[in-house]
Amino acid sequence: GPAVEKVKVGRAVVVVETWRKRVRLAAFRAALQAGLQPHLAGNELVQEALGIDGEEASTRGQGDGPRLDALDKRHLLSKSSSSSRARDKDIKGGRKSKEAACSQFDLVE
């Protein structure tokens, strides 16, 4: 029979069996490149063209916790966020304690 290709979509593995679907997959790969996975998981047209079950594909393998929306993610990663300031403070405190230890033994770093 024809060659079979397996594609991982979220937590599911989809088997692309027919030549027609393999050619479509190759075309989607060429057009979407790095954006293929999100389309496989959420784009009904791509899912239908490749015979992928949308319910199974939408179960994404990105953990069980809630996803952050763009605004929350930007705030979390912002240099001025409280978590970022706390991380900077910890790093600075570590540097000071290292400097104190080095100066105690007359080491230069």
N, C-alpha and C. Protein backbone atom coordinates (compact mmCIF):
# COMPACT_ATOMS: atom_id res chain seq x y z
N GLY A 1 0.81 -1.19 0.00
CA GLY A 1 0.00 0.00 0.00
C GLY A 1 0.85 1.25 0.00
N PRO A 2 0.20 2.40 0.02
CA PRO A 2 0.92 3.68 0.01
C PRO A 2 1.66 3.90 1.33
N ALA A 3 2.69 4.72 1.28
CA ALA A 3 3.46 5.06 2.48
C ALA A 3 2.56 5.80 3.46
N VAL A 4 2.82 5.60 4.74
CA VAL A 4 2.03 6.22 5.79
C VAL A 4 2.89 7.26 6.50
N GLU A 5 2.31 8.38 6.83
CA GLU A 5 3.03 9.42 7.55
C GLU A 5 2.28 9.74 8.84
N LYS A 6 3.03 9.86 9.94
CA LYS A 6 2.42 10.19 11.23
C LYS A 6 2.76 11.62 11.58
N VAL A 7 1.74 12.36 12.03
CA VAL A 7 1.91 13.77 12.40
C VAL A 7 1.38 13.94 13.81
N LYS A 8 2.19 14.56 14.67
CA LYS A 8 1.76 14.82 16.03
C LYS A 8 1.00 16.14 16.06
N VAL A 9 -0.22 16.08 16.62
CA VAL A 9 -1.07 17.26 16.74
C VAL A 9 -1.47 17.36 18.20
N GLY A 10 -0.87 18.29 18.93
CA GLY A 10 -1.13 18.36 20.36
C GLY A 10 -0.65 17.08 21.00
N ARG A 11 -1.55 16.38 21.68
CA ARG A 11 -1.20 15.11 22.30
C ARG A 11 -1.54 13.92 21.42
N ALA A 12 -2.23 14.17 20.33
CA ALA A 12 -2.67 13.10 19.43
C ALA A 12 -1.65 12.86 18.32
N VAL A 13 -1.63 11.66 17.80
CA VAL A 13 -0.83 11.34 16.63
C VAL A 13 -1.80 10.97 15.52
N VAL A 14 -1.72 11.70 14.42
CA VAL A 14 -2.62 11.48 13.28
C VAL A 14 -1.85 10.73 12.20
N VAL A 15 -2.47 9.72 11.65
CA VAL A 15 -1.86 8.94 10.57
C VAL A 15 -2.44 9.44 9.25
N VAL A 16 -1.56 9.91 8.38
CA VAL A 16 -1.95 10.38 7.05
C VAL A 16 -1.63 9.24 6.09
N GLU A 17 -2.68 8.60 5.59
CA GLU A 17 -2.50 7.36 4.82
C GLU A 17 -2.54 7.53 3.31
N THR A 18 -3.39 8.40 2.80
CA THR A 18 -3.56 8.49 1.35
C THR A 18 -2.56 9.46 0.74
N TRP A 19 -2.24 9.23 -0.52
CA TRP A 19 -1.33 10.13 -1.22
C TRP A 19 -1.92 11.54 -1.31
N ARG A 20 -3.22 11.61 -1.53
CA ARG A 20 -3.87 12.91 -1.65
C ARG A 20 -3.65 13.74 -0.37
N LYS A 21 -3.85 13.11 0.78
CA LYS A 21 -3.67 13.83 2.06
C LYS A 21 -2.20 14.13 2.32
N ARG A 22 -1.30 13.25 1.85
CA ARG A 22 0.13 13.52 2.03
C ARG A 22 0.56 14.71 1.20
N VAL A 23 0.02 14.82 -0.01
CA VAL A 23 0.33 15.98 -0.87
C VAL A 23 -0.21 17.25 -0.24
N ARG A 24 -1.43 17.19 0.31
CA ARG A 24 -2.01 18.36 0.99
C ARG A 24 -1.16 18.75 2.20
N LEU A 25 -0.73 17.76 2.99
CA LEU A 25 0.11 18.04 4.15
C LEU A 25 1.41 18.71 3.72
N ALA A 26 2.02 18.22 2.66
CA ALA A 26 3.25 18.82 2.14
C ALA A 26 3.02 20.28 1.72
N ALA A 27 1.87 20.53 1.09
CA ALA A 27 1.54 21.90 0.67
C ALA A 27 1.33 22.81 1.89
N PHE A 28 0.62 22.31 2.90
CA PHE A 28 0.42 23.10 4.12
C PHE A 28 1.75 23.36 4.82
N ARG A 29 2.63 22.35 4.85
CA ARG A 29 3.95 22.54 5.46
C ARG A 29 4.73 23.63 4.75
N ALA A 30 4.70 23.61 3.42
CA ALA A 30 5.45 24.60 2.64
C ALA A 30 4.87 26.01 2.85
N ALA A 31 3.55 26.10 2.91
CA ALA A 31 2.92 27.42 3.03
C ALA A 31 2.99 27.97 4.45
N LEU A 32 2.76 27.12 5.43
CA LEU A 32 2.64 27.59 6.82
C LEU A 32 3.95 27.50 7.60
N GLN A 33 4.84 26.65 7.18
CA GLN A 33 6.14 26.43 7.82
C GLN A 33 6.00 26.27 9.32
N ALA A 34 6.56 27.16 10.13
CA ALA A 34 6.53 27.03 11.60
C ALA A 34 5.11 27.19 12.16
N GLY A 35 4.20 27.74 11.38
CA GLY A 35 2.83 27.93 11.85
C GLY A 35 1.92 26.75 11.60
N LEU A 36 2.48 25.63 11.16
CA LEU A 36 1.67 24.47 10.84
C LEU A 36 0.95 23.90 12.06
N GLN A 37 1.64 23.73 13.18
CA GLN A 37 1.04 23.11 14.36
C GLN A 37 -0.21 23.83 14.86
N PRO A 38 -0.18 25.16 15.02
CA PRO A 38 -1.41 25.83 15.45
C PRO A 38 -2.58 25.62 14.48
N HIS A 39 -2.28 25.56 13.19
CA HIS A 39 -3.33 25.33 12.20
C HIS A 39 -3.85 23.90 12.27
N LEU A 40 -2.97 22.95 12.50
CA LEU A 40 -3.42 21.57 12.65
C LEU A 40 -4.33 21.43 13.87
N ALA A 41 -4.02 22.20 14.92
CA ALA A 41 -4.79 22.10 16.16
C ALA A 41 -6.09 22.90 16.12
N GLY A 42 -6.13 24.01 15.38
CA GLY A 42 -7.29 24.88 15.49
C GLY A 42 -7.99 25.32 14.22
N ASN A 43 -7.45 25.02 13.06
CA ASN A 43 -8.04 25.48 11.82
C ASN A 43 -8.89 24.37 11.20
N GLU A 44 -10.19 24.58 11.18
CA GLU A 44 -11.11 23.54 10.69
C GLU A 44 -10.86 23.19 9.23
N LEU A 45 -10.48 24.16 8.41
CA LEU A 45 -10.22 23.89 6.99
C LEU A 45 -9.04 22.93 6.83
N VAL A 46 -7.96 23.19 7.56
CA VAL A 46 -6.78 22.32 7.49
C VAL A 46 -7.12 20.94 8.03
N GLN A 47 -7.86 20.90 9.15
CA GLN A 47 -8.26 19.61 9.74
C GLN A 47 -9.11 18.80 8.77
N GLU A 48 -10.06 19.46 8.13
CA GLU A 48 -10.94 18.78 7.18
C GLU A 48 -10.16 18.27 5.96
N ALA A 49 -9.24 19.09 5.46
CA ALA A 49 -8.46 18.71 4.28
C ALA A 49 -7.58 17.49 4.56
N LEU A 50 -7.15 17.33 5.82
CA LEU A 50 -6.27 16.21 6.16
C LEU A 50 -6.99 15.08 6.88
N GLY A 51 -8.30 15.25 7.12
CA GLY A 51 -9.06 14.21 7.79
C GLY A 51 -8.73 14.08 9.26
N ILE A 52 -8.45 15.21 9.92
CA ILE A 52 -8.10 15.22 11.34
C ILE A 52 -9.34 15.52 12.16
N ASP A 53 -9.52 14.77 13.24
CA ASP A 53 -10.63 15.01 14.16
C ASP A 53 -10.32 16.26 14.97
N GLY A 54 -11.14 17.30 14.86
CA GLY A 54 -10.91 18.57 15.53
C GLY A 54 -10.90 18.48 17.04
N GLU A 55 -11.74 17.64 17.63
CA GLU A 55 -11.79 17.49 19.08
C GLU A 55 -10.47 16.94 19.62
N GLU A 56 -9.97 15.92 18.97
CA GLU A 56 -8.72 15.31 19.40
C GLU A 56 -7.56 16.25 19.19
N ALA A 57 -7.57 16.99 18.09
CA ALA A 57 -6.48 17.90 17.77
C ALA A 57 -6.44 19.10 18.69
N SER A 58 -7.59 19.53 19.21
CA SER A 58 -7.60 20.73 20.04
C SER A 58 -7.10 20.46 21.45
N THR A 59 -6.88 19.21 21.83
CA THR A 59 -6.30 18.89 23.13
C THR A 59 -4.81 19.13 23.01
N ARG A 60 -4.38 20.28 23.42
CA ARG A 60 -3.00 20.68 23.23
C ARG A 60 -2.12 20.15 24.35
N GLY A 61 -0.91 19.78 24.04
CA GLY A 61 0.01 19.22 25.01
C GLY A 61 0.80 20.28 25.73
N GLN A 62 0.18 21.33 26.18
CA GLN A 62 0.88 22.44 26.81
C GLN A 62 0.55 22.54 28.28
N GLY A 63 0.36 21.41 28.94
CA GLY A 63 0.06 21.43 30.36
C GLY A 63 -1.42 21.50 30.61
N ASP A 64 -1.79 21.24 31.83
CA ASP A 64 -3.20 21.21 32.17
C ASP A 64 -3.70 22.54 32.74
N GLY A 65 -2.81 23.46 33.02
CA GLY A 65 -3.19 24.73 33.63
C GLY A 65 -3.81 25.67 32.63
N PRO A 66 -4.36 26.77 33.12
CA PRO A 66 -4.97 27.75 32.21
C PRO A 66 -3.91 28.46 31.38
N ARG A 67 -4.28 28.81 30.17
CA ARG A 67 -3.36 29.54 29.29
C ARG A 67 -3.46 31.02 29.57
N LEU A 68 -2.35 31.72 29.42
CA LEU A 68 -2.33 33.17 29.62
C LEU A 68 -2.76 33.86 28.34
N ASP A 69 -3.57 34.91 28.48
CA ASP A 69 -3.86 35.69 27.28
C ASP A 69 -2.68 36.64 27.04
N ALA A 70 -2.69 37.34 25.93
CA ALA A 70 -1.55 38.16 25.52
C ALA A 70 -1.21 39.24 26.55
N LEU A 71 -2.23 39.87 27.13
CA LEU A 71 -1.99 40.94 28.09
C LEU A 71 -1.34 40.40 29.37
N ASP A 72 -1.86 39.28 29.88
CA ASP A 72 -1.28 38.69 31.09
C ASP A 72 0.14 38.21 30.84
N LYS A 73 0.38 37.64 29.67
CA LYS A 73 1.71 37.17 29.34
C LYS A 73 2.69 38.34 29.24
N ARG A 74 2.26 39.44 28.62
CA ARG A 74 3.12 40.61 28.50
C ARG A 74 3.45 41.17 29.87
N HIS A 75 2.45 41.21 30.76
CA HIS A 75 2.68 41.71 32.11
C HIS A 75 3.66 40.82 32.87
N LEU A 76 3.50 39.51 32.75
CA LEU A 76 4.37 38.57 33.45
C LEU A 76 5.81 38.71 32.99
N LEU A 77 6.01 38.90 31.69
CA LEU A 77 7.36 38.96 31.13
C LEU A 77 7.95 40.37 31.12
N SER A 78 7.15 41.37 31.50
CA SER A 78 7.61 42.76 31.48
C SER A 78 8.72 42.99 32.50
N LYS A 79 9.67 43.84 32.14
CA LYS A 79 10.76 44.18 33.05
C LYS A 79 10.25 44.88 34.31
N SER A 80 9.10 45.55 34.21
CA SER A 80 8.59 46.29 35.36
C SER A 80 7.58 45.48 36.18
N SER A 81 7.36 44.21 35.83
CA SER A 81 6.40 43.41 36.59
C SER A 81 6.98 43.08 37.96
N SER A 82 6.11 42.80 38.91
CA SER A 82 6.56 42.52 40.27
C SER A 82 7.43 41.26 40.31
N SER A 83 7.10 40.26 39.50
CA SER A 83 7.91 39.03 39.50
C SER A 83 9.30 39.31 38.93
N SER A 84 9.37 40.16 37.91
CA SER A 84 10.66 40.50 37.33
C SER A 84 11.49 41.31 38.31
N ARG A 85 10.86 42.26 39.01
CA ARG A 85 11.59 43.06 40.00
C ARG A 85 12.10 42.18 41.14
N ALA A 86 11.29 41.22 41.59
CA ALA A 86 11.71 40.31 42.67
C ALA A 86 12.88 39.45 42.21
N ARG A 87 12.84 38.98 40.97
CA ARG A 87 13.94 38.17 40.43
C ARG A 87 15.22 39.00 40.37
N ASP A 88 15.13 40.26 39.91
CA ASP A 88 16.30 41.14 39.86
C ASP A 88 16.87 41.39 41.25
N LYS A 89 15.98 41.56 42.22
CA LYS A 89 16.41 41.80 43.60
C LYS A 89 17.16 40.58 44.15
N ASP A 90 16.65 39.38 43.85
CA ASP A 90 17.34 38.15 44.29
C ASP A 90 18.72 38.03 43.67
N ILE A 91 18.82 38.34 42.39
CA ILE A 91 20.11 38.26 41.69
C ILE A 91 21.08 39.25 42.30
N LYS A 92 20.61 40.48 42.53
CA LYS A 92 21.46 41.52 43.10
C LYS A 92 21.92 41.11 44.50
N GLY A 93 21.02 40.53 45.30
CA GLY A 93 21.38 40.07 46.64
C GLY A 93 22.42 38.96 46.59
N GLY A 94 22.31 38.07 45.63
CA GLY A 94 23.29 37.01 45.46
C GLY A 94 24.66 37.56 45.09
N ARG A 95 24.67 38.58 44.26
CA ARG A 95 25.94 39.21 43.88
C ARG A 95 26.60 39.85 45.10
N LYS A 96 25.79 40.55 45.91
CA LYS A 96 26.35 41.22 47.09
C LYS A 96 26.93 40.21 48.08
N SER A 97 26.24 39.09 48.28
CA SER A 97 26.77 38.09 49.22
C SER A 97 28.04 37.44 48.66
N LYS A 98 28.11 37.28 47.35
CA LYS A 98 29.32 36.72 46.74
C LYS A 98 30.48 37.70 46.87
N GLU A 99 30.20 38.99 46.65
CA GLU A 99 31.24 40.01 46.79
C GLU A 99 31.75 40.05 48.22
N ALA A 100 30.82 39.95 49.19
CA ALA A 100 31.22 39.97 50.60
C ALA A 100 32.10 38.77 50.93
N ALA A 101 31.75 37.60 50.41
CA ALA A 101 32.55 36.39 50.66
C ALA A 101 33.93 36.51 50.02
N CYS A 102 33.98 37.05 48.82
CA CYS A 102 35.27 37.22 48.13
C CYS A 102 36.15 38.23 48.84
N SER A 103 35.55 39.33 49.31
CA SER A 103 36.36 40.35 49.98
C SER A 103 36.87 39.85 51.33
N GLN A 104 36.14 38.93 51.94
CA GLN A 104 36.56 38.36 53.22
C GLN A 104 37.85 37.56 53.03
N PHE A 105 38.01 36.94 51.89
CA PHE A 105 39.21 36.12 51.63
C PHE A 105 40.17 36.81 50.67
N ASP A 106 39.96 38.10 50.43
CA ASP A 106 40.80 38.89 49.51
C ASP A 106 40.86 38.28 48.12
N LEU A 107 39.74 37.75 47.65
CA LEU A 107 39.64 37.25 46.29
C LEU A 107 39.06 38.32 45.41
N VAL A 108 39.51 38.38 44.19
CA VAL A 108 39.03 39.38 43.25
C VAL A 108 38.24 38.66 42.16
N GLU A 109 37.01 39.11 41.93
CA GLU A 109 36.22 38.57 40.83
C GLU A 109 35.55 39.65 40.09
